[in-house]
Amino acid sequence: MEQVTLNVSGMSCGHCVKAVEGSVGVLQGVKKVAVKLDKGQVDVEFDPSVITLSTIKETIDDQGYDVK
């Protein structure tokens, strides 16, 4: 398993948390996802043999947020 913390801009409310956690959390290979709204960060634990970091970032982008 690999753990990363992504800086994500544009998240401002509970809906944002649900959108990101919900969309990333259902991806095959993702074990845990947690949004730190106050810091603008998303912690993700995933299996790199199943899913790429690029796919996780694209999923967050698709929700309307900017991964830096």
N, C-alpha and C. Protein backbone atom coordinates (compact mmCIF):
# COMPACT_ATOMS: atom_id res chain seq x y z
N MET A 1 0.84 -1.19 0.00
CA MET A 1 0.00 0.00 0.00
C MET A 1 0.87 1.24 0.00
N GLU A 2 0.36 2.27 -0.62
CA GLU A 2 1.06 3.55 -0.68
C GLU A 2 0.13 4.62 -0.11
N GLN A 3 0.71 5.60 0.57
CA GLN A 3 -0.08 6.70 1.11
C GLN A 3 0.43 8.01 0.53
N VAL A 4 -0.50 8.87 0.12
CA VAL A 4 -0.14 10.20 -0.39
C VAL A 4 -1.08 11.23 0.21
N THR A 5 -0.58 12.45 0.30
CA THR A 5 -1.41 13.59 0.67
C THR A 5 -1.39 14.54 -0.52
N LEU A 6 -2.57 14.80 -1.07
CA LEU A 6 -2.70 15.67 -2.23
C LEU A 6 -3.23 17.03 -1.80
N ASN A 7 -2.66 18.09 -2.35
CA ASN A 7 -3.18 19.43 -2.14
C ASN A 7 -4.25 19.68 -3.19
N VAL A 8 -5.44 20.03 -2.72
CA VAL A 8 -6.59 20.19 -3.62
C VAL A 8 -7.25 21.53 -3.33
N SER A 9 -7.41 22.34 -4.36
CA SER A 9 -8.09 23.63 -4.17
C SER A 9 -9.52 23.55 -4.68
N GLY A 10 -10.36 24.42 -4.12
CA GLY A 10 -11.75 24.50 -4.55
C GLY A 10 -12.72 23.82 -3.61
N MET A 11 -12.23 23.10 -2.61
CA MET A 11 -13.12 22.44 -1.65
C MET A 11 -13.46 23.43 -0.54
N SER A 12 -14.77 23.57 -0.24
CA SER A 12 -15.14 24.57 0.74
C SER A 12 -16.25 24.16 1.71
N CYS A 13 -16.82 22.97 1.51
CA CYS A 13 -17.97 22.61 2.34
C CYS A 13 -18.11 21.09 2.48
N GLY A 14 -19.10 20.70 3.23
CA GLY A 14 -19.37 19.28 3.44
C GLY A 14 -19.70 18.54 2.15
N HIS A 15 -20.37 19.22 1.24
CA HIS A 15 -20.68 18.60 -0.06
C HIS A 15 -19.39 18.24 -0.79
N CYS A 16 -18.41 19.13 -0.72
CA CYS A 16 -17.11 18.89 -1.37
C CYS A 16 -16.45 17.64 -0.79
N VAL A 17 -16.50 17.52 0.53
CA VAL A 17 -15.92 16.36 1.20
C VAL A 17 -16.60 15.08 0.71
N LYS A 18 -17.92 15.08 0.68
CA LYS A 18 -18.66 13.90 0.23
C LYS A 18 -18.37 13.57 -1.23
N ALA A 19 -18.27 14.60 -2.07
CA ALA A 19 -18.01 14.38 -3.49
C ALA A 19 -16.64 13.72 -3.71
N VAL A 20 -15.63 14.24 -3.03
CA VAL A 20 -14.28 13.70 -3.21
C VAL A 20 -14.15 12.33 -2.56
N GLU A 21 -14.57 12.22 -1.31
CA GLU A 21 -14.44 10.93 -0.61
C GLU A 21 -15.28 9.85 -1.31
N GLY A 22 -16.45 10.23 -1.78
CA GLY A 22 -17.32 9.26 -2.45
C GLY A 22 -16.77 8.79 -3.78
N SER A 23 -16.26 9.72 -4.58
CA SER A 23 -15.77 9.34 -5.90
C SER A 23 -14.45 8.59 -5.84
N VAL A 24 -13.56 8.98 -4.95
CA VAL A 24 -12.27 8.30 -4.83
C VAL A 24 -12.42 7.00 -4.05
N GLY A 25 -13.25 7.01 -3.04
CA GLY A 25 -13.41 5.85 -2.18
C GLY A 25 -13.94 4.61 -2.87
N VAL A 26 -14.65 4.77 -3.97
CA VAL A 26 -15.21 3.61 -4.68
C VAL A 26 -14.26 3.05 -5.73
N LEU A 27 -13.14 3.71 -5.96
CA LEU A 27 -12.20 3.23 -6.96
C LEU A 27 -11.53 1.93 -6.52
N GLN A 28 -11.42 1.00 -7.46
CA GLN A 28 -10.75 -0.27 -7.19
C GLN A 28 -9.30 0.01 -6.81
N GLY A 29 -8.86 -0.52 -5.68
CA GLY A 29 -7.49 -0.33 -5.23
C GLY A 29 -7.31 0.74 -4.18
N VAL A 30 -8.35 1.55 -3.95
CA VAL A 30 -8.27 2.58 -2.91
C VAL A 30 -8.75 1.97 -1.60
N LYS A 31 -7.89 2.03 -0.57
CA LYS A 31 -8.26 1.47 0.73
C LYS A 31 -8.91 2.52 1.61
N LYS A 32 -8.33 3.73 1.65
CA LYS A 32 -8.85 4.81 2.50
C LYS A 32 -8.71 6.13 1.79
N VAL A 33 -9.68 7.02 2.05
CA VAL A 33 -9.59 8.40 1.57
C VAL A 33 -10.19 9.30 2.65
N ALA A 34 -9.48 10.38 2.96
CA ALA A 34 -9.95 11.32 3.97
C ALA A 34 -9.62 12.74 3.54
N VAL A 35 -10.64 13.59 3.53
CA VAL A 35 -10.46 15.00 3.17
C VAL A 35 -10.21 15.82 4.43
N LYS A 36 -9.18 16.64 4.39
CA LYS A 36 -8.91 17.62 5.45
C LYS A 36 -9.32 18.98 4.86
N LEU A 37 -10.58 19.33 5.05
CA LEU A 37 -11.14 20.52 4.43
C LEU A 37 -10.40 21.79 4.85
N ASP A 38 -10.06 21.89 6.13
CA ASP A 38 -9.40 23.10 6.63
C ASP A 38 -8.00 23.30 6.03
N LYS A 39 -7.37 22.22 5.61
CA LYS A 39 -6.02 22.31 5.03
C LYS A 39 -6.02 22.21 3.51
N GLY A 40 -7.17 21.89 2.93
CA GLY A 40 -7.24 21.72 1.48
C GLY A 40 -6.44 20.51 1.02
N GLN A 41 -6.53 19.43 1.79
CA GLN A 41 -5.76 18.23 1.48
C GLN A 41 -6.65 17.00 1.45
N VAL A 42 -6.19 16.02 0.67
CA VAL A 42 -6.86 14.74 0.60
C VAL A 42 -5.80 13.66 0.84
N ASP A 43 -6.01 12.85 1.87
CA ASP A 43 -5.13 11.71 2.16
C ASP A 43 -5.72 10.48 1.49
N VAL A 44 -4.86 9.76 0.77
CA VAL A 44 -5.33 8.56 0.08
C VAL A 44 -4.36 7.41 0.35
N GLU A 45 -4.91 6.27 0.72
CA GLU A 45 -4.12 5.04 0.84
C GLU A 45 -4.61 4.11 -0.26
N PHE A 46 -3.68 3.65 -1.10
CA PHE A 46 -4.08 2.86 -2.27
C PHE A 46 -3.02 1.82 -2.61
N ASP A 47 -3.44 0.87 -3.42
CA ASP A 47 -2.54 -0.19 -3.90
C ASP A 47 -2.07 0.19 -5.31
N PRO A 48 -0.79 0.59 -5.46
CA PRO A 48 -0.30 1.04 -6.76
C PRO A 48 -0.24 -0.06 -7.83
N SER A 49 -0.41 -1.31 -7.42
CA SER A 49 -0.45 -2.38 -8.42
C SER A 49 -1.85 -2.51 -9.04
N VAL A 50 -2.83 -1.81 -8.43
CA VAL A 50 -4.21 -1.87 -8.90
C VAL A 50 -4.64 -0.55 -9.55
N ILE A 51 -4.21 0.58 -8.98
CA ILE A 51 -4.63 1.89 -9.46
C ILE A 51 -3.44 2.86 -9.43
N THR A 52 -3.42 3.77 -10.39
CA THR A 52 -2.33 4.74 -10.43
C THR A 52 -2.73 6.03 -9.72
N LEU A 53 -1.73 6.75 -9.27
CA LEU A 53 -1.96 8.06 -8.65
C LEU A 53 -2.61 9.00 -9.66
N SER A 54 -2.22 8.88 -10.91
CA SER A 54 -2.79 9.70 -11.97
C SER A 54 -4.31 9.52 -12.07
N THR A 55 -4.77 8.28 -11.96
CA THR A 55 -6.21 8.00 -12.02
C THR A 55 -6.93 8.63 -10.84
N ILE A 56 -6.33 8.58 -9.67
CA ILE A 56 -6.93 9.20 -8.48
C ILE A 56 -7.03 10.71 -8.67
N LYS A 57 -5.97 11.32 -9.17
CA LYS A 57 -5.98 12.77 -9.41
C LYS A 57 -7.04 13.15 -10.44
N GLU A 58 -7.15 12.36 -11.51
CA GLU A 58 -8.15 12.63 -12.54
C GLU A 58 -9.57 12.54 -11.98
N THR A 59 -9.79 11.59 -11.08
CA THR A 59 -11.10 11.43 -10.46
C THR A 59 -11.47 12.66 -9.64
N ILE A 60 -10.51 13.21 -8.91
CA ILE A 60 -10.75 14.43 -8.13
C ILE A 60 -11.00 15.61 -9.07
N ASP A 61 -10.20 15.71 -10.13
CA ASP A 61 -10.41 16.76 -11.14
C ASP A 61 -11.81 16.68 -11.75
N ASP A 62 -12.26 15.47 -12.02
CA ASP A 62 -13.59 15.26 -12.62
C ASP A 62 -14.72 15.75 -11.71
N GLN A 63 -14.46 15.85 -10.41
CA GLN A 63 -15.46 16.36 -9.47
C GLN A 63 -15.46 17.90 -9.43
N GLY A 64 -14.52 18.52 -10.16
CA GLY A 64 -14.48 19.98 -10.24
C GLY A 64 -13.46 20.64 -9.35
N TYR A 65 -12.52 19.88 -8.82
CA TYR A 65 -11.50 20.43 -7.93
C TYR A 65 -10.13 20.34 -8.59
N ASP A 66 -9.23 21.18 -8.14
CA ASP A 66 -7.91 21.28 -8.76
C ASP A 66 -6.85 20.63 -7.89
N VAL A 67 -6.27 19.54 -8.37
CA VAL A 67 -5.20 18.85 -7.65
C VAL A 67 -3.88 19.50 -8.05
N LYS A 68 -3.13 19.91 -7.04
CA LYS A 68 -1.85 20.58 -7.32
C LYS A 68 -0.70 19.61 -7.17
